[in-house]
Amino acid sequence: MAETLLDVKGLTCPLPVLRANKVLRGLAPGEKLRVLATDRASVADFRAYCRETGHALLAFAEEGGVFSFTIRRRQDPPS
């Protein structure tokens, strides 16, 4: 399963999380989104976002001022 890439470098809080939320809503449950951001606040923002929404923050890394987050879309609750 391929992952979707979202580049939000240069955007500041809360835009990286808002853009990621929009993309995640369009993904199927279990699909992955990789987000590239430069806003240092995005580290705490994505941790809190995933904790509150049930999406899984699978990986986090920082290299050269670019933060990379890999998020797996949550499974939809049974109807």
Protein backbone atom coordinates (compact mmCIF):
# COMPACT_ATOMS: atom_id res chain seq x y z
CA MET A 1 0.00 0.00 0.00
CA ALA A 2 1.54 3.31 -1.05
CA GLU A 3 1.58 6.28 1.26
CA THR A 4 0.34 9.74 0.35
CA LEU A 5 2.83 12.60 0.71
CA LEU A 6 1.77 16.02 2.00
CA ASP A 7 4.38 18.80 1.86
CA VAL A 8 3.44 21.65 4.21
CA LYS A 9 6.95 23.07 4.63
CA GLY A 10 6.84 26.80 5.31
CA LEU A 11 3.34 26.74 6.78
CA THR A 12 2.82 27.55 10.46
CA CYS A 13 0.44 26.29 13.11
CA PRO A 14 -2.36 25.30 12.70
CA LEU A 15 -2.15 24.91 8.91
CA PRO A 16 -0.04 21.72 8.77
CA VAL A 17 -2.53 19.81 10.95
CA LEU A 18 -5.55 21.28 9.15
CA ARG A 19 -4.16 20.28 5.74
CA ALA A 20 -3.29 16.79 7.02
CA ASN A 21 -6.79 16.39 8.46
CA LYS A 22 -8.30 17.22 5.08
CA VAL A 23 -6.11 14.65 3.30
CA LEU A 24 -6.72 11.95 5.94
CA ARG A 25 -10.50 12.32 5.52
CA GLY A 26 -10.06 11.35 1.87
CA LEU A 27 -7.97 8.24 2.59
CA ALA A 28 -9.31 4.76 3.22
CA PRO A 29 -8.98 3.34 6.74
CA GLY A 30 -5.47 1.99 7.30
CA GLU A 31 -3.85 4.07 4.54
CA LYS A 32 -0.76 6.10 5.42
CA LEU A 33 0.00 9.78 5.10
CA ARG A 34 3.53 11.18 5.29
CA VAL A 35 3.69 14.85 6.23
CA LEU A 36 6.74 17.08 5.77
CA ALA A 37 6.69 20.24 7.89
CA THR A 38 9.13 22.91 9.06
CA ASP A 39 7.12 24.44 11.91
CA ARG A 40 8.63 23.25 15.22
CA ALA A 41 5.18 23.49 16.83
CA SER A 42 3.95 20.79 14.46
CA VAL A 43 5.68 18.14 16.63
CA ALA A 44 3.35 18.73 19.58
CA ASP A 45 0.43 19.49 17.26
CA PHE A 46 0.60 16.16 15.40
CA ARG A 47 1.07 14.17 18.60
CA ALA A 48 -2.02 15.80 20.12
CA TYR A 49 -4.00 15.52 16.88
CA CYS A 50 -3.35 11.78 16.59
CA ARG A 51 -4.11 11.17 20.26
CA GLU A 52 -7.43 13.04 19.98
CA THR A 53 -8.59 11.61 16.63
CA GLY A 54 -7.48 7.99 16.93
CA HIS A 55 -5.12 8.13 13.94
CA ALA A 56 -1.81 6.38 14.62
CA LEU A 57 1.43 8.37 14.58
CA LEU A 58 3.67 5.58 13.28
CA ALA A 59 6.92 7.49 12.86
CA PHE A 60 8.46 10.87 13.51
CA ALA A 61 11.86 12.15 12.40
CA GLU A 62 13.69 15.43 11.97
CA GLU A 63 16.45 16.10 9.49
CA GLY A 64 17.86 19.47 8.56
CA GLY A 65 14.94 21.35 10.08
CA VAL A 66 12.32 19.28 8.24
CA PHE A 67 9.98 17.21 10.38
CA SER A 68 8.54 14.03 8.90
CA PHE A 69 5.42 12.40 10.34
CA THR A 70 3.93 9.10 9.16
CA ILE A 71 0.28 8.75 10.15
CA ARG A 72 -2.03 5.78 9.58
CA ARG A 73 -5.70 6.66 9.16
CA ARG A 74 -7.85 5.14 11.88
CA GLN A 75 -10.33 2.39 11.20
CA ASP A 76 -13.86 3.74 10.99
CA PRO A 77 -16.06 2.71 13.91
CA PRO A 78 -18.70 0.05 13.08
CA SER A 79 -22.04 1.48 12.05
